[in-house]
Amino acid sequence: MTFEQFTELLRPDMAEVDRVIRARLHSEVVLVRQVAEYIIAGGGKRLRPALVVLCARALGHDGPQQHELAATVEFIHTATLLHDDVVDESALRRGRQTANSRFGNGLSVLVGDFLYSRSFEMMVELGSPAVMQVLATATNQISEGEVLQYLNRRNVEATPEQCLAIARSKTATLFEAAARCGALLAGQGAAVQQALGDYGLHFGLAYQLADDLLDYRGDVARIGKNLGDDLAEGSPTLPLAYALRNANPEQAATLRTALAGSGEPDFAAVLAVIESTGAIAYTAGLAQTYAERAEAALSGLPDSPALAALQGL
């Protein structure tokens, strides 16, 4: 399945999710609506809400609850983006100004809080304690991942294992929760919930590692952010941590200087070290491994267009 076929399959569901999102963005405070609408209207792939819908449909569920839950997950994700961009001092996301660049840091943080609280209102309305437990736990783990990432800024001793732990908490956790909640909506037992959760977790890790690679190998016009942003922010992602572990002393000095923020980082020199140490190939191979684990977790589910879409991702 191509990505175009994937988006076409989901078009009616995503249109309904977007309708729910805009209805739930309503606030009597006009500026809250403006900032929230700005970040939501910025687009994105909507992969997390898509996982909710696809996992529910793959297990036979069809109804408005999946759209409400998908919108809830997207609100959680959007809140993290608003807070992330403030912490990272990012200026560009999805090819345009970040909300903090346009509206200021204070307002971005407060609207992020609004989206978090609105997502919990929506969870309560769904009336499923199990779903609330999964999403509340995920939100807590995402926050812990953000703190871990912050604590590791400019950390020239960061290890690949630490980077993977951050990727798991910060990114993969919400994919895992989205997929697991799809199984919960469909009334599935613990074994199927675990299988779908494993799918989401491994898919999320593959996704984050691919994103880490794009910081060094991406096309700015296509990915909507600047190359080297992670490096400039002092975030030691897996390619950099792997290169640090395998570099010779001279190469390691180049990486440490760039990561420590001692002047403008020489991106070309860093990229040369990352490529020569095999970090690109290692990260890509690990992403592929996680993608294969994700697909394997789906074994045993009945054939359907939704299952084909999950496999195709």
C-alpha atoms as a PDB file:
ATOM      1  CA  MET A   1       0.000   0.000   0.000  1.00  0.00           C
ATOM      2  CA  THR A   2       1.384   3.408  -0.970  1.00  0.00           C
ATOM      3  CA  PHE A   3       1.070   6.397   1.333  1.00  0.00           C
ATOM      4  CA  GLU A   4      -1.391   7.920  -1.150  1.00  0.00           C
ATOM      5  CA  GLN A   5      -3.581   4.805  -0.900  1.00  0.00           C
ATOM      6  CA  PHE A   6      -3.255   4.974   2.890  1.00  0.00           C
ATOM      7  CA  THR A   7      -4.481   8.570   3.014  1.00  0.00           C
ATOM      8  CA  GLU A   8      -7.294   7.853   0.558  1.00  0.00           C
ATOM      9  CA  LEU A   9      -8.526   4.932   2.666  1.00  0.00           C
ATOM     10  CA  LEU A  10      -8.624   7.153   5.740  1.00  0.00           C
ATOM     11  CA  ARG A  11      -9.966  10.297   4.072  1.00  0.00           C
ATOM     12  CA  PRO A  12     -13.580  10.018   5.392  1.00  0.00           C
ATOM     13  CA  ASP A  13     -12.421   9.120   8.906  1.00  0.00           C
ATOM     14  CA  MET A  14      -9.812  11.885   9.036  1.00  0.00           C
ATOM     15  CA  ALA A  15     -12.373  14.407   7.800  1.00  0.00           C
ATOM     16  CA  GLU A  16     -14.590  13.406  10.719  1.00  0.00           C
ATOM     17  CA  VAL A  17     -11.648  13.575  13.138  1.00  0.00           C
ATOM     18  CA  ASP A  18     -10.861  17.087  11.891  1.00  0.00           C
ATOM     19  CA  ARG A  19     -14.512  18.067  12.412  1.00  0.00           C
ATOM     20  CA  VAL A  20     -14.333  16.839  16.012  1.00  0.00           C
ATOM     21  CA  ILE A  21     -11.016  18.641  16.537  1.00  0.00           C
ATOM     22  CA  ARG A  22     -12.408  21.974  15.400  1.00  0.00           C
ATOM     23  CA  ALA A  23     -15.588  21.569  17.417  1.00  0.00           C
ATOM     24  CA  ARG A  24     -13.588  20.717  20.532  1.00  0.00           C
ATOM     25  CA  LEU A  25     -11.193  23.648  20.043  1.00  0.00           C
ATOM     26  CA  HIS A  26     -13.990  26.035  20.938  1.00  0.00           C
ATOM     27  CA  SER A  27     -13.196  28.433  23.743  1.00  0.00           C
ATOM     28  CA  GLU A  28     -14.825  31.680  24.811  1.00  0.00           C
ATOM     29  CA  VAL A  29     -11.306  33.119  24.852  1.00  0.00           C
ATOM     30  CA  VAL A  30     -10.703  34.091  21.242  1.00  0.00           C
ATOM     31  CA  LEU A  31      -6.908  33.992  21.462  1.00  0.00           C
ATOM     32  CA  VAL A  32      -7.012  30.402  22.723  1.00  0.00           C
ATOM     33  CA  ARG A  33      -8.964  29.423  19.602  1.00  0.00           C
ATOM     34  CA  GLN A  34      -6.566  31.325  17.362  1.00  0.00           C
ATOM     35  CA  VAL A  35      -3.404  29.684  18.682  1.00  0.00           C
ATOM     36  CA  ALA A  36      -4.927  26.209  18.848  1.00  0.00           C
ATOM     37  CA  GLU A  37      -6.350  26.530  15.346  1.00  0.00           C
ATOM     38  CA  TYR A  38      -2.991  27.770  14.057  1.00  0.00           C
ATOM     39  CA  ILE A  39      -1.108  24.698  15.222  1.00  0.00           C
ATOM     40  CA  ILE A  40      -3.872  22.234  14.257  1.00  0.00           C
ATOM     41  CA  ALA A  41      -4.281  23.830  10.819  1.00  0.00           C
ATOM     42  CA  GLY A  42      -0.558  23.375  10.279  1.00  0.00           C
ATOM     43  CA  GLY A  43      -1.395  19.897   9.050  1.00  0.00           C
ATOM     44  CA  GLY A  44       0.868  16.983   9.743  1.00  0.00           C
ATOM     45  CA  LYS A  45       0.343  13.347   8.940  1.00  0.00           C
ATOM     46  CA  ARG A  46      -2.177  12.697  11.745  1.00  0.00           C
ATOM     47  CA  LEU A  47      -0.558   9.289  12.248  1.00  0.00           C
ATOM     48  CA  ARG A  48      -1.456   8.952  15.911  1.00  0.00           C
ATOM     49  CA  PRO A  49      -5.201   9.484  15.434  1.00  0.00           C
ATOM     50  CA  ALA A  50      -4.976   7.320  12.308  1.00  0.00           C
ATOM     51  CA  LEU A  51      -3.673   4.451  14.451  1.00  0.00           C
ATOM     52  CA  VAL A  52      -6.686   4.750  16.755  1.00  0.00           C
ATOM     53  CA  VAL A  53      -9.072   4.478  13.814  1.00  0.00           C
ATOM     54  CA  LEU A  54      -7.185   1.738  11.964  1.00  0.00           C
ATOM     55  CA  CYS A  55      -6.700  -0.469  15.020  1.00  0.00           C
ATOM     56  CA  ALA A  56     -10.364  -0.137  15.979  1.00  0.00           C
ATOM     57  CA  ARG A  57     -11.500  -0.900  12.423  1.00  0.00           C
ATOM     58  CA  ALA A  58      -9.090  -3.837  12.052  1.00  0.00           C
ATOM     59  CA  LEU A  59     -10.818  -5.374  15.069  1.00  0.00           C
ATOM     60  CA  GLY A  60     -14.370  -4.760  13.850  1.00  0.00           C
ATOM     61  CA  HIS A  61     -15.269  -1.517  15.642  1.00  0.00           C
ATOM     62  CA  ASP A  62     -17.126   1.206  13.766  1.00  0.00           C
ATOM     63  CA  GLY A  63     -18.650   4.227  15.423  1.00  0.00           C
ATOM     64  CA  PRO A  64     -18.215   7.861  16.478  1.00  0.00           C
ATOM     65  CA  GLN A  65     -16.223   6.970  19.591  1.00  0.00           C
ATOM     66  CA  GLN A  66     -13.146   6.198  17.515  1.00  0.00           C
ATOM     67  CA  HIS A  67     -13.208   9.712  16.039  1.00  0.00           C
ATOM     68  CA  GLU A  68     -13.577  11.299  19.483  1.00  0.00           C
ATOM     69  CA  LEU A  69     -10.713   9.202  20.814  1.00  0.00           C
ATOM     70  CA  ALA A  70      -8.557   9.940  17.766  1.00  0.00           C
ATOM     71  CA  ALA A  71      -9.091  13.679  18.303  1.00  0.00           C
ATOM     72  CA  THR A  72      -8.202  13.260  21.975  1.00  0.00           C
ATOM     73  CA  VAL A  73      -4.891  11.647  21.041  1.00  0.00           C
ATOM     74  CA  GLU A  74      -4.172  14.431  18.536  1.00  0.00           C
ATOM     75  CA  PHE A  75      -4.804  17.061  21.238  1.00  0.00           C
ATOM     76  CA  ILE A  76      -2.282  15.371  23.510  1.00  0.00           C
ATOM     77  CA  HIS A  77       0.244  15.289  20.671  1.00  0.00           C
ATOM     78  CA  THR A  78      -0.387  18.928  19.739  1.00  0.00           C
ATOM     79  CA  ALA A  79       0.045  20.035  23.347  1.00  0.00           C
ATOM     80  CA  THR A  80       3.458  18.360  23.423  1.00  0.00           C
ATOM     81  CA  LEU A  81       4.416  20.140  20.184  1.00  0.00           C
ATOM     82  CA  LEU A  82       3.513  23.526  21.632  1.00  0.00           C
ATOM     83  CA  HIS A  83       5.583  22.862  24.746  1.00  0.00           C
ATOM     84  CA  ASP A  84       8.454  21.253  22.786  1.00  0.00           C
ATOM     85  CA  ASP A  85       8.893  24.233  20.518  1.00  0.00           C
ATOM     86  CA  VAL A  86       9.130  26.573  23.495  1.00  0.00           C
ATOM     87  CA  VAL A  87      11.716  24.421  25.266  1.00  0.00           C
ATOM     88  CA  ASP A  88      13.727  23.858  22.077  1.00  0.00           C
ATOM     89  CA  GLU A  89      13.353  27.480  20.929  1.00  0.00           C
ATOM     90  CA  SER A  90      12.277  26.142  17.533  1.00  0.00           C
ATOM     91  CA  ALA A  91      11.332  28.598  14.804  1.00  0.00           C
ATOM     92  CA  LEU A  92      10.069  26.262  12.073  1.00  0.00           C
ATOM     93  CA  ARG A  93       7.680  23.303  12.078  1.00  0.00           C
ATOM     94  CA  ARG A  94       5.892  21.750   9.103  1.00  0.00           C
ATOM     95  CA  GLY A  95       7.354  24.431   6.859  1.00  0.00           C
ATOM     96  CA  ARG A  96       6.051  27.483   8.713  1.00  0.00           C
ATOM     97  CA  GLN A  97       6.569  29.514  11.881  1.00  0.00           C
ATOM     98  CA  THR A  98       6.087  27.687  15.148  1.00  0.00           C
ATOM     99  CA  ALA A  99       3.321  28.983  17.399  1.00  0.00           C
ATOM    100  CA  ASN A 100       5.836  30.320  19.904  1.00  0.00           C
ATOM    101  CA  SER A 101       7.575  32.305  17.144  1.00  0.00           C
ATOM    102  CA  ARG A 102       4.287  33.841  16.097  1.00  0.00           C
ATOM    103  CA  PHE A 103       2.437  34.286  19.398  1.00  0.00           C
ATOM    104  CA  GLY A 104       5.175  34.139  22.028  1.00  0.00           C
ATOM    105  CA  ASN A 105       6.345  31.514  24.502  1.00  0.00           C
ATOM    106  CA  GLY A 106       3.918  32.303  27.290  1.00  0.00           C
ATOM    107  CA  LEU A 107       0.806  31.964  25.193  1.00  0.00           C
ATOM    108  CA  SER A 108       2.077  28.778  23.549  1.00  0.00           C
ATOM    109  CA  VAL A 109       2.592  27.118  26.933  1.00  0.00           C
ATOM    110  CA  LEU A 110      -0.826  28.182  28.182  1.00  0.00           C
ATOM    111  CA  VAL A 111      -2.645  26.979  25.065  1.00  0.00           C
ATOM    112  CA  GLY A 112      -0.724  23.710  25.337  1.00  0.00           C
ATOM    113  CA  ASP A 113      -2.163  23.418  28.846  1.00  0.00           C
ATOM    114  CA  PHE A 114      -5.625  24.121  27.451  1.00  0.00           C
ATOM    115  CA  LEU A 115      -5.262  21.278  24.938  1.00  0.00           C
ATOM    116  CA  TYR A 116      -4.070  18.878  27.644  1.00  0.00           C
ATOM    117  CA  SER A 117      -7.016  19.714  29.878  1.00  0.00           C
ATOM    118  CA  ARG A 118      -9.481  19.527  26.986  1.00  0.00           C
ATOM    119  CA  SER A 119      -8.139  16.075  26.070  1.00  0.00           C
ATOM    120  CA  PHE A 120      -8.864  14.856  29.602  1.00  0.00           C
ATOM    121  CA  GLU A 121     -12.394  16.256  29.425  1.00  0.00           C
ATOM    122  CA  MET A 122     -12.892  14.227  26.269  1.00  0.00           C
ATOM    123  CA  MET A 123     -11.475  11.085  27.906  1.00  0.00           C
ATOM    124  CA  VAL A 124     -13.972  11.391  30.729  1.00  0.00           C
ATOM    125  CA  GLU A 125     -16.849  11.742  28.253  1.00  0.00           C
ATOM    126  CA  LEU A 126     -15.809   8.504  26.529  1.00  0.00           C
ATOM    127  CA  GLY A 127     -16.695   6.730  29.759  1.00  0.00           C
ATOM    128  CA  SER A 128     -13.910   4.121  29.604  1.00  0.00           C
ATOM    129  CA  PRO A 129     -11.703   3.927  32.703  1.00  0.00           C
ATOM    130  CA  ALA A 130      -9.344   1.622  30.794  1.00  0.00           C
ATOM    131  CA  VAL A 131      -8.830   4.187  28.020  1.00  0.00           C
ATOM    132  CA  MET A 132      -8.336   6.930  30.606  1.00  0.00           C
ATOM    133  CA  GLN A 133      -5.707   4.822  32.368  1.00  0.00           C
ATOM    134  CA  VAL A 134      -3.779   4.150  29.147  1.00  0.00           C
ATOM    135  CA  LEU A 135      -3.774   7.786  28.032  1.00  0.00           C
ATOM    136  CA  ALA A 136      -3.052   9.197  31.498  1.00  0.00           C
ATOM    137  CA  THR A 137      -0.067   6.852  31.842  1.00  0.00           C
ATOM    138  CA  ALA A 138       1.134   7.738  28.354  1.00  0.00           C
ATOM    139  CA  THR A 139       0.892  11.469  29.056  1.00  0.00           C
ATOM    140  CA  ASN A 140       2.960  11.012  32.203  1.00  0.00           C
ATOM    141  CA  GLN A 141       5.603   9.008  30.342  1.00  0.00           C
ATOM    142  CA  ILE A 142       5.788  11.603  27.561  1.00  0.00           C
ATOM    143  CA  SER A 143       6.467  14.285  30.172  1.00  0.00           C
ATOM    144  CA  GLU A 144       9.210  12.150  31.695  1.00  0.00           C
ATOM    145  CA  GLY A 145      10.724  11.678  28.237  1.00  0.00           C
ATOM    146  CA  GLU A 146      10.729  15.425  27.678  1.00  0.00           C
ATOM    147  CA  VAL A 147      12.520  15.961  30.978  1.00  0.00           C
ATOM    148  CA  LEU A 148      15.080  13.272  30.101  1.00  0.00           C
ATOM    149  CA  GLN A 149      15.706  14.927  26.762  1.00  0.00           C
ATOM    150  CA  TYR A 150      16.120  18.305  28.449  1.00  0.00           C
ATOM    151  CA  LEU A 151      18.551  16.889  31.001  1.00  0.00           C
ATOM    152  CA  ASN A 152      20.608  15.388  28.173  1.00  0.00           C
ATOM    153  CA  ARG A 153      20.942  18.610  26.195  1.00  0.00           C
ATOM    154  CA  ARG A 154      24.597  19.246  25.376  1.00  0.00           C
ATOM    155  CA  ASN A 155      25.461  15.910  26.997  1.00  0.00           C
ATOM    156  CA  VAL A 156      28.619  14.807  25.170  1.00  0.00           C
ATOM    157  CA  GLU A 157      28.518  11.493  27.065  1.00  0.00           C
ATOM    158  CA  ALA A 158      25.052  10.523  25.823  1.00  0.00           C
ATOM    159  CA  THR A 159      24.793   6.855  24.860  1.00  0.00           C
ATOM    160  CA  PRO A 160      22.673   5.166  22.187  1.00  0.00           C
ATOM    161  CA  GLU A 161      20.780   3.416  24.985  1.00  0.00           C
ATOM    162  CA  GLN A 162      19.852   6.749  26.569  1.00  0.00           C
ATOM    163  CA  CYS A 163      18.695   8.089  23.205  1.00  0.00           C
ATOM    164  CA  LEU A 164      16.480   5.055  22.666  1.00  0.00           C
ATOM    165  CA  ALA A 165      14.981   5.461  26.141  1.00  0.00           C
ATOM    166  CA  ILE A 166      14.106   9.067  25.330  1.00  0.00           C
ATOM    167  CA  ALA A 167      12.643   8.058  21.953  1.00  0.00           C
ATOM    168  CA  ARG A 168      10.508   5.435  23.643  1.00  0.00           C
ATOM    169  CA  SER A 169       9.088   7.793  26.274  1.00  0.00           C
ATOM    170  CA  LYS A 170       8.853  10.936  24.178  1.00  0.00           C
ATOM    171  CA  THR A 171       7.497   9.507  20.925  1.00  0.00           C
ATOM    172  CA  ALA A 172       6.742   5.790  20.865  1.00  0.00           C
ATOM    173  CA  THR A 173       4.618   5.875  24.031  1.00  0.00           C
ATOM    174  CA  LEU A 174       1.792   7.834  22.383  1.00  0.00           C
ATOM    175  CA  PHE A 175       1.798   5.567  19.311  1.00  0.00           C
ATOM    176  CA  GLU A 176       1.590   2.598  21.682  1.00  0.00           C
ATOM    177  CA  ALA A 177      -1.297   4.176  23.587  1.00  0.00           C
ATOM    178  CA  ALA A 178      -3.169   5.086  20.397  1.00  0.00           C
ATOM    179  CA  ALA A 179      -2.991   1.530  19.066  1.00  0.00           C
ATOM    180  CA  ARG A 180      -3.870  -0.032  22.423  1.00  0.00           C
ATOM    181  CA  CYS A 181      -6.882   2.264  22.795  1.00  0.00           C
ATOM    182  CA  GLY A 182      -8.127   1.132  19.382  1.00  0.00           C
ATOM    183  CA  ALA A 183      -8.150  -2.419  20.726  1.00  0.00           C
ATOM    184  CA  LEU A 184      -9.924  -1.276  23.890  1.00  0.00           C
ATOM    185  CA  LEU A 185     -12.659   0.456  21.874  1.00  0.00           C
ATOM    186  CA  ALA A 186     -13.188  -2.799  19.993  1.00  0.00           C
ATOM    187  CA  GLY A 187     -13.678  -4.641  23.283  1.00  0.00           C
ATOM    188  CA  GLN A 188     -10.641  -6.887  22.863  1.00  0.00           C
ATOM    189  CA  GLY A 189      -8.958  -8.799  25.680  1.00  0.00           C
ATOM    190  CA  ALA A 190      -5.488  -8.385  27.142  1.00  0.00           C
ATOM    191  CA  ALA A 191      -3.648 -10.441  24.500  1.00  0.00           C
ATOM    192  CA  VAL A 192      -4.920  -8.389  21.555  1.00  0.00           C
ATOM    193  CA  GLN A 193      -4.443  -5.137  23.474  1.00  0.00           C
ATOM    194  CA  GLN A 194      -0.827  -6.137  24.075  1.00  0.00           C
ATOM    195  CA  ALA A 195      -0.293  -7.088  20.423  1.00  0.00           C
ATOM    196  CA  LEU A 196      -1.634  -3.751  19.191  1.00  0.00           C
ATOM    197  CA  GLY A 197       0.331  -1.915  21.861  1.00  0.00           C
ATOM    198  CA  ASP A 198       3.487  -3.694  20.693  1.00  0.00           C
ATOM    199  CA  TYR A 199       2.688  -2.659  17.139  1.00  0.00           C
ATOM    200  CA  GLY A 200       2.348   0.998  18.166  1.00  0.00           C
ATOM    201  CA  LEU A 201       5.491   0.939  20.307  1.00  0.00           C
ATOM    202  CA  HIS A 202       7.719  -0.566  17.626  1.00  0.00           C
ATOM    203  CA  PHE A 203       6.208   1.586  14.899  1.00  0.00           C
ATOM    204  CA  GLY A 204       6.805   4.663  17.062  1.00  0.00           C
ATOM    205  CA  LEU A 205      10.459   3.751  17.607  1.00  0.00           C
ATOM    206  CA  ALA A 206      10.965   3.189  13.867  1.00  0.00           C
ATOM    207  CA  TYR A 207       9.265   6.505  13.186  1.00  0.00           C
ATOM    208  CA  GLN A 208      11.461   8.427  15.655  1.00  0.00           C
ATOM    209  CA  LEU A 209      14.678   6.885  14.351  1.00  0.00           C
ATOM    210  CA  ALA A 210      13.684   7.806  10.796  1.00  0.00           C
ATOM    211  CA  ASP A 211      13.000  11.332  12.030  1.00  0.00           C
ATOM    212  CA  ASP A 212      16.449  11.417  13.662  1.00  0.00           C
ATOM    213  CA  LEU A 213      17.987  10.489  10.317  1.00  0.00           C
ATOM    214  CA  LEU A 214      16.105  13.268   8.546  1.00  0.00           C
ATOM    215  CA  ASP A 215      17.951  15.807  10.700  1.00  0.00           C
ATOM    216  CA  TYR A 216      21.064  14.828   8.748  1.00  0.00           C
ATOM    217  CA  ARG A 217      19.713  13.526   5.453  1.00  0.00           C
ATOM    218  CA  GLY A 218      16.363  15.215   4.899  1.00  0.00           C
ATOM    219  CA  ASP A 219      15.073  17.590   2.240  1.00  0.00           C
ATOM    220  CA  VAL A 220      14.135  20.840   4.004  1.00  0.00           C
ATOM    221  CA  ALA A 221      11.333  21.576   1.524  1.00  0.00           C
ATOM    222  CA  ARG A 222       9.753  18.163   2.155  1.00  0.00           C
ATOM    223  CA  ILE A 223      10.234  17.735   5.901  1.00  0.00           C
ATOM    224  CA  GLY A 224       9.311  21.311   6.824  1.00  0.00           C
ATOM    225  CA  LYS A 225      12.156  21.945   9.240  1.00  0.00           C
ATOM    226  CA  ASN A 226      15.804  22.877   9.047  1.00  0.00           C
ATOM    227  CA  LEU A 227      18.559  20.278   8.812  1.00  0.00           C
ATOM    228  CA  GLY A 228      20.717  20.131  11.914  1.00  0.00           C
ATOM    229  CA  ASP A 229      17.992  21.448  14.218  1.00  0.00           C
ATOM    230  CA  ASP A 230      18.526  18.643  16.749  1.00  0.00           C
ATOM    231  CA  LEU A 231      22.263  19.295  16.734  1.00  0.00           C
ATOM    232  CA  ALA A 232      21.823  23.065  17.067  1.00  0.00           C
ATOM    233  CA  GLU A 233      19.466  22.510  20.016  1.00  0.00           C
ATOM    234  CA  GLY A 234      22.030  20.229  21.649  1.00  0.00           C
ATOM    235  CA  SER A 235      19.816  17.137  21.431  1.00  0.00           C
ATOM    236  CA  PRO A 236      21.960  13.987  21.176  1.00  0.00           C
ATOM    237  CA  THR A 237      19.882  11.679  18.960  1.00  0.00           C
ATOM    238  CA  LEU A 238      20.844   8.102  18.106  1.00  0.00           C
ATOM    239  CA  PRO A 239      22.982   8.825  14.997  1.00  0.00           C
ATOM    240  CA  LEU A 240      25.109  11.280  16.957  1.00  0.00           C
ATOM    241  CA  ALA A 241      25.395   9.064  20.045  1.00  0.00           C
ATOM    242  CA  TYR A 242      26.394   6.066  17.908  1.00  0.00           C
ATOM    243  CA  ALA A 243      28.985   8.175  16.088  1.00  0.00           C
ATOM    244  CA  LEU A 244      30.393   9.402  19.423  1.00  0.00           C
ATOM    245  CA  ARG A 245      30.802   5.821  20.607  1.00  0.00           C
ATOM    246  CA  ASN A 246      32.586   4.725  17.420  1.00  0.00           C
ATOM    247  CA  ALA A 247      34.582   7.821  16.452  1.00  0.00           C
ATOM    248  CA  ASN A 248      38.344   8.176  16.692  1.00  0.00           C
ATOM    249  CA  PRO A 249      39.659  10.891  19.065  1.00  0.00           C
ATOM    250  CA  GLU A 250      39.805  13.570  16.375  1.00  0.00           C
ATOM    251  CA  GLN A 251      36.315  12.781  15.103  1.00  0.00           C
ATOM    252  CA  ALA A 252      34.944  12.647  18.649  1.00  0.00           C
ATOM    253  CA  ALA A 253      36.374  16.098  19.321  1.00  0.00           C
ATOM    254  CA  THR A 254      34.468  17.457  16.302  1.00  0.00           C
ATOM    255  CA  LEU A 255      31.207  15.978  17.574  1.00  0.00           C
ATOM    256  CA  ARG A 256      31.750  17.083  21.165  1.00  0.00           C
ATOM    257  CA  THR A 257      32.499  20.664  20.134  1.00  0.00           C
ATOM    258  CA  ALA A 258      29.351  20.823  18.021  1.00  0.00           C
ATOM    259  CA  LEU A 259      27.103  19.214  20.641  1.00  0.00           C
ATOM    260  CA  ALA A 260      28.499  21.288  23.494  1.00  0.00           C
ATOM    261  CA  GLY A 261      27.500  24.441  21.653  1.00  0.00           C
ATOM    262  CA  SER A 262      30.975  25.943  21.492  1.00  0.00           C
ATOM    263  CA  GLY A 263      30.198  28.369  18.694  1.00  0.00           C
ATOM    264  CA  GLU A 264      28.283  27.722  15.477  1.00  0.00           C
ATOM    265  CA  PRO A 265      28.324  23.950  14.813  1.00  0.00           C
ATOM    266  CA  ASP A 266      30.141  22.865  11.651  1.00  0.00           C
ATOM    267  CA  PHE A 267      27.298  20.793  10.267  1.00  0.00           C
ATOM    268  CA  ALA A 268      29.257  19.536   7.264  1.00  0.00           C
ATOM    269  CA  ALA A 269      32.070  18.282   9.497  1.00  0.00           C
ATOM    270  CA  VAL A 270      29.618  16.586  11.865  1.00  0.00           C
ATOM    271  CA  LEU A 271      27.800  14.956   8.964  1.00  0.00           C
ATOM    272  CA  ALA A 272      31.101  13.629   7.589  1.00  0.00           C
ATOM    273  CA  VAL A 273      31.884  11.969  10.937  1.00  0.00           C
ATOM    274  CA  ILE A 274      28.390  10.518  11.268  1.00  0.00           C
ATOM    275  CA  GLU A 275      28.612   9.007   7.793  1.00  0.00           C
ATOM    276  CA  SER A 276      32.164   7.662   8.201  1.00  0.00           C
ATOM    277  CA  THR A 277      31.352   5.920  11.503  1.00  0.00           C
ATOM    278  CA  GLY A 278      28.404   4.071   9.980  1.00  0.00           C
ATOM    279  CA  ALA A 279      25.856   5.863  12.173  1.00  0.00           C
ATOM    280  CA  ILE A 280      23.466   6.498   9.286  1.00  0.00           C
ATOM    281  CA  ALA A 281      23.421   2.858   8.247  1.00  0.00           C
ATOM    282  CA  TYR A 282      23.152   1.667  11.858  1.00  0.00           C
ATOM    283  CA  THR A 283      20.198   3.926  12.637  1.00  0.00           C
ATOM    284  CA  ALA A 284      18.414   3.029   9.404  1.00  0.00           C
ATOM    285  CA  GLY A 285      18.953  -0.678  10.092  1.00  0.00           C
ATOM    286  CA  LEU A 286      17.580  -0.373  13.610  1.00  0.00           C
ATOM    287  CA  ALA A 287      14.548   1.518  12.329  1.00  0.00           C
ATOM    288  CA  GLN A 288      13.943  -1.303   9.859  1.00  0.00           C
ATOM    289  CA  THR A 289      14.209  -3.860  12.675  1.00  0.00           C
ATOM    290  CA  TYR A 290      11.559  -2.036  14.700  1.00  0.00           C
ATOM    291  CA  ALA A 291       9.325  -1.753  11.624  1.00  0.00           C
ATOM    292  CA  GLU A 292       9.558  -5.507  11.123  1.00  0.00           C
ATOM    293  CA  ARG A 293       8.717  -6.114  14.783  1.00  0.00           C
ATOM    294  CA  ALA A 294       5.702  -3.853  14.414  1.00  0.00           C
ATOM    295  CA  GLU A 295       4.436  -5.808  11.423  1.00  0.00           C
ATOM    296  CA  ALA A 296       5.047  -9.123  13.189  1.00  0.00           C
ATOM    297  CA  ALA A 297       2.854  -7.981  16.091  1.00  0.00           C
ATOM    298  CA  LEU A 298      -0.114  -7.894  13.708  1.00  0.00           C
ATOM    299  CA  SER A 299       0.049 -11.606  12.882  1.00  0.00           C
ATOM    300  CA  GLY A 300      -3.214 -13.360  13.627  1.00  0.00           C
ATOM    301  CA  LEU A 301      -5.476 -10.380  12.907  1.00  0.00           C
ATOM    302  CA  PRO A 302      -8.136 -10.968  10.230  1.00  0.00           C
ATOM    303  CA  ASP A 303      -7.464  -9.585   6.756  1.00  0.00           C
ATOM    304  CA  SER A 304      -9.063  -6.214   6.111  1.00  0.00           C
ATOM    305  CA  PRO A 305      -8.225  -2.881   4.441  1.00  0.00           C
ATOM    306  CA  ALA A 306      -7.411  -1.478   7.893  1.00  0.00           C
ATOM    307  CA  LEU A 307      -4.940  -4.298   8.584  1.00  0.00           C
ATOM    308  CA  ALA A 308      -3.332  -3.750   5.175  1.00  0.00           C
ATOM    309  CA  ALA A 309      -2.921  -0.056   6.045  1.00  0.00           C
ATOM    310  CA  LEU A 310      -1.281  -0.868   9.390  1.00  0.00           C
ATOM    311  CA  GLN A 311       1.095  -3.249   7.630  1.00  0.00           C
ATOM    312  CA  GLY A 312       1.774  -0.729   4.876  1.00  0.00           C
ATOM    313  CA  LEU A 313       2.832   1.977   7.292  1.00  0.00           C
END
